[in-house]
Protein backbone atom coordinates (compact mmCIF):
# COMPACT_ATOMS: atom_id res chain seq x y z
CA MET A 1 76.02 157.85 117.53
CA SER A 2 73.97 157.70 114.33
CA ARG A 3 70.73 155.79 114.54
CA ILE A 4 69.99 152.89 112.17
CA VAL A 5 66.37 152.59 111.02
CA VAL A 6 65.26 149.15 109.78
CA LEU A 7 62.13 149.08 107.62
CA ARG A 8 61.88 145.40 106.66
CA PRO A 9 58.90 143.25 107.78
CA GLU A 10 58.90 141.17 110.96
CA PRO A 11 60.43 138.91 112.06
CA GLY A 12 63.32 140.05 109.89
CA ALA A 13 63.21 143.59 111.31
CA SER A 14 63.80 142.43 114.88
CA GLU A 15 66.52 140.04 113.73
CA THR A 16 68.36 142.83 111.93
CA VAL A 17 68.03 145.17 114.92
CA GLU A 18 69.46 142.50 117.24
CA ARG A 19 72.39 141.90 114.88
CA ALA A 20 72.98 145.66 114.73
CA LYS A 21 73.04 145.89 118.53
CA THR A 22 75.65 143.12 118.74
CA ARG A 23 77.84 145.41 116.64
CA GLY A 24 77.26 148.23 119.13
CA LEU A 25 74.92 150.15 116.82
CA ASP A 26 71.83 152.10 117.87
CA ALA A 27 69.04 150.56 115.80
CA VAL A 28 65.23 150.77 115.73
CA ARG A 29 62.62 149.03 113.61
CA ILE A 30 59.74 150.63 111.71
CA PRO A 31 58.29 147.87 109.48
CA LEU A 32 56.47 149.17 106.41
CA PHE A 33 55.01 145.76 105.45
CA GLU A 34 53.88 142.55 107.10
CA ILE A 35 54.29 139.06 105.68
CA GLU A 36 51.23 136.91 105.05
CA ALA A 37 50.88 133.40 103.64
CA VAL A 38 49.02 132.92 100.37
CA GLU A 39 47.13 129.90 99.11
CA TRP A 40 49.27 127.88 96.75
CA GLN A 41 49.18 124.58 94.94
CA ALA A 42 52.19 122.35 95.51
CA PRO A 43 53.49 120.87 92.24
CA ASP A 44 54.66 117.27 92.04
CA ALA A 45 58.03 117.05 93.79
CA SER A 46 59.20 114.36 91.38
CA GLY A 47 59.45 117.00 88.65
CA PHE A 48 62.31 118.81 90.39
CA ASP A 49 65.91 118.15 91.38
CA ALA A 50 66.04 120.64 94.25
CA LEU A 51 64.43 123.60 95.97
CA LEU A 52 65.63 127.18 95.62
CA MET A 53 64.93 129.37 98.66
CA THR A 54 65.87 133.03 98.73
CA SER A 55 64.10 134.00 101.96
CA ALA A 56 63.40 132.36 105.31
CA ASN A 57 59.81 133.52 104.82
CA ALA A 58 59.31 130.68 102.33
CA VAL A 59 59.78 128.27 105.24
CA ARG A 60 57.92 130.36 107.82
CA PHE A 61 54.83 130.85 105.66
CA GLY A 62 54.91 127.88 103.27
CA GLY A 63 52.59 125.84 105.45
CA GLU A 64 51.95 122.11 105.55
CA GLN A 65 52.55 121.66 101.83
CA LEU A 66 56.29 122.08 102.42
CA ALA A 67 56.37 118.53 103.82
CA SER A 68 55.98 117.04 100.34
CA PHE A 69 59.36 118.53 99.32
CA ARG A 70 61.51 117.41 102.24
CA GLY A 71 63.12 114.77 100.06
CA LEU A 72 64.61 117.50 97.84
CA PRO A 73 67.89 119.24 98.71
CA VAL A 74 67.78 123.00 99.23
CA HIS A 75 69.93 125.67 97.61
CA ALA A 76 69.55 128.65 99.94
CA VAL A 77 70.46 132.31 99.63
CA GLY A 78 71.54 133.68 102.99
CA LYS A 79 72.43 132.17 106.34
CA ALA A 80 68.99 132.86 107.85
CA THR A 81 67.27 131.09 104.95
CA ALA A 82 69.53 128.05 105.27
CA GLU A 83 69.01 127.88 109.04
CA ALA A 84 65.23 128.12 108.74
CA ALA A 85 65.16 125.36 106.09
CA ARG A 86 67.43 123.12 108.16
CA GLU A 87 65.28 123.59 111.26
CA ALA A 88 62.23 122.64 109.17
CA GLY A 89 63.82 119.32 108.28
CA PHE A 90 65.39 120.08 104.91
CA ASP A 91 68.88 119.08 103.81
CA ILE A 92 70.96 122.06 102.68
CA ALA A 93 72.95 121.32 99.53
CA THR A 94 74.47 124.79 99.14
CA SER A 95 74.09 128.23 100.70
CA GLY A 96 75.66 131.58 100.00
CA ASP A 97 75.36 135.27 100.83
CA GLY A 98 76.22 136.61 97.40
CA GLY A 99 72.68 136.78 96.03
CA VAL A 100 70.58 134.41 93.96
CA GLU A 101 72.40 134.94 90.67
CA ARG A 102 75.77 134.09 92.17
CA LEU A 103 74.30 130.99 93.80
CA LEU A 104 72.70 129.85 90.54
CA GLY A 105 75.96 130.51 88.73
CA SER A 106 77.67 127.96 90.97
CA LEU A 107 75.15 125.19 90.25
CA GLU A 108 74.88 122.66 87.43
CA ALA A 109 73.19 124.04 84.35
CA ASP A 110 70.70 121.18 83.83
CA LEU A 111 69.00 121.34 87.24
CA LYS A 112 65.25 121.70 87.56
CA LEU A 113 64.64 123.98 90.54
CA LEU A 114 61.45 124.85 92.39
CA HIS A 115 61.72 128.39 93.73
CA LEU A 116 59.42 128.90 96.72
CA CYS A 117 59.25 132.66 96.97
CA GLY A 118 57.34 135.83 97.71
CA GLU A 119 55.05 137.71 95.36
CA ASP A 120 57.43 140.68 95.22
CA ARG A 121 60.69 139.42 93.77
CA SER A 122 63.33 140.53 91.29
CA ALA A 123 63.72 138.64 88.04
CA THR A 124 66.96 136.72 87.68
CA ARG A 125 69.14 137.20 84.60
CA SER A 126 71.21 134.70 82.60
CA VAL A 127 69.74 131.71 84.43
CA ARG A 128 71.10 128.41 83.13
CA GLN A 129 68.78 126.19 85.18
CA GLU A 130 65.08 125.56 84.65
CA VAL A 131 63.53 127.52 87.52
CA THR A 132 59.82 127.28 88.37
CA ALA A 133 58.70 130.04 90.75
CA VAL A 134 55.76 129.40 93.08
CA THR A 135 54.53 132.21 95.34
CA VAL A 136 53.90 131.10 98.94
CA TYR A 137 53.78 134.48 100.73
CA TRP A 138 53.39 138.18 100.09
CA SER A 139 54.20 141.49 101.80
CA LYS A 140 51.12 143.44 102.83
CA THR A 141 51.36 147.21 103.21
CA ILE A 142 50.83 148.28 106.82
CA GLU A 143 47.99 150.75 107.17
CA PRO A 144 47.68 153.36 108.48
CA ALA A 145 51.11 154.37 107.31
CA PRO A 146 53.81 154.18 110.00
CA ASP A 147 55.36 157.36 111.35
CA VAL A 148 58.86 157.46 109.85
CA ARG A 149 59.90 160.84 111.24
CA GLU A 150 62.31 159.02 113.56
CA ALA A 151 64.39 158.48 110.43
CA ALA A 152 65.29 162.19 110.31
CA GLY A 153 69.07 162.50 110.49
CA SER A 154 69.45 158.71 110.58
CA ILE A 155 70.83 155.89 108.43
CA VAL A 156 67.98 153.97 106.77
CA MET A 157 68.39 150.35 105.65
CA LEU A 158 66.30 149.36 102.63
CA HIS A 159 65.94 145.63 101.98
CA SER A 160 63.88 145.84 98.76
CA PRO A 161 62.90 148.19 95.93
CA ARG A 162 59.33 148.18 97.21
CA ALA A 163 60.45 149.35 100.66
CA ALA A 164 62.56 152.04 99.00
CA GLN A 165 59.60 153.36 97.04
CA ARG A 166 57.32 153.43 100.05
CA PHE A 167 59.86 155.07 102.34
CA ALA A 168 60.54 157.75 99.74
CA ALA A 169 56.80 158.45 99.50
CA LEU A 170 56.37 158.57 103.28
CA ALA A 171 59.41 160.81 103.68
CA LYS A 172 57.79 163.27 101.28
CA GLU A 173 54.38 163.07 102.98
CA GLN A 174 55.88 163.54 106.45
CA GLN A 175 58.21 166.31 105.25
CA LEU A 176 61.55 164.72 106.11
CA ASP A 177 64.71 166.45 104.92
CA ARG A 178 66.30 163.98 102.51
CA ASN A 179 69.64 165.79 102.73
CA ARG A 180 69.97 164.58 106.32
CA ILE A 181 69.12 160.92 105.70
CA ALA A 182 71.65 158.34 104.49
CA ILE A 183 70.30 155.39 102.52
CA LEU A 184 71.87 151.93 102.62
CA ALA A 185 70.18 149.80 99.96
CA ILE A 186 70.54 146.04 99.63
CA SER A 187 70.76 146.23 95.82
CA ASN A 188 71.16 148.69 92.97
CA ALA A 189 67.46 148.23 92.19
CA ALA A 190 66.54 149.28 95.74
CA ALA A 191 68.92 152.24 95.55
CA GLN A 192 67.36 153.43 92.30
CA ALA A 193 63.85 153.00 93.70
CA ALA A 194 64.69 155.35 96.58
CA GLY A 195 65.19 158.21 94.14
CA PRO A 196 67.52 161.24 94.42
CA GLY A 197 68.20 163.89 97.04
CA TRP A 198 69.45 161.84 100.00
CA GLU A 199 72.57 162.64 102.01
CA ARG A 200 74.11 159.57 100.39
CA VAL A 201 73.00 156.29 98.86
CA GLU A 202 75.26 153.24 99.16
CA THR A 203 74.97 149.53 98.43
CA PRO A 204 77.18 146.69 99.70
CA GLU A 205 79.44 144.79 97.32
CA GLN A 206 77.39 141.66 98.00
CA PRO A 207 73.66 141.68 98.86
CA GLY A 208 72.71 140.49 102.33
CA ASP A 209 71.83 141.66 105.80
CA GLU A 210 75.33 141.21 107.24
CA ALA A 211 76.87 143.16 104.38
CA LEU A 212 74.38 145.98 104.95
CA LEU A 213 75.19 146.04 108.66
CA ALA A 214 78.92 146.15 107.96
CA LEU A 215 78.29 149.11 105.67
CA ALA A 216 76.18 150.77 108.37
CA GLU A 217 78.95 150.29 110.90
CA ARG A 218 81.50 151.95 108.62
CA LEU A 219 79.17 154.86 107.93
CA CYS A 220 78.51 155.35 111.66
CA ASP A 221 82.27 155.49 112.24
CA LYS A 222 82.67 157.99 109.42
CA ARG A 223 79.92 160.20 110.82
CA ARG A 224 81.45 160.00 114.29
CA GLN A 225 84.85 161.03 113.02
CA GLY A 226 83.43 163.74 110.79
C-alpha cells in the first residue's frame, strides 16, 4: 500500500492522518510549520454583519478577543472550521467545503465581513462583499528542518503553496527522487508552487481535506492495481 505523507501543521496534521486511517490508508505526519497566535487588535463588532472563518486555527488561536464577536453569525469554510466555531459558542450561518470564493459567491453582496485569518493566505478574487481581514495567527517554520526522506516513493499531501515550496526545497536538499513522489495539492496555487518533475501532480475538483483524501484513496487504488 502506498504511504500518505501529511505536511500540514498540528493539530490539523493529526486530524488528517486519523481521517486517512478511517479510509484504510497508511498515513504519517511530518509537519513543516507550527501555528502560533499573534497579537491583534479587535475592531468594533458593530461595524460588521458577520464573521468569515476559513480555518479552525482562527478559533484555536484567536484568544479572548473572540468573545466580543460572539453576537455575529459565522460563515465558515470547511466542516472543521464550522465545528470549532460552534464549539466556541458561535452561531453558524453558512458553511461549505467548496473554498472561500464559492462561499462568498453564495452570500449577499452588501455584507460587511470580518475575516479572522492567518498571515499566510491567498487573495480572493471577484469579491462582492466588503471583507476586512485581521490576522490572528501565523505559521512558523519548524527548525531544524524535518527529515522528509520518508516521503520517498509516497503520496504527499500539500495543504498550501507555502508548504509546497518548502517541501520542494527540502526534497532537493535531502536528495529525494521527484519521479517517485506523487503530489496531491489542495489548490492550483499549491500545485504550481511545488514545481515540476514529480511522478504526478493532482488537485481535487473542490478544495478541502476530505476531497484531498478521496483523491489519495483513488491514487492508492490505482497504484495497487498498476
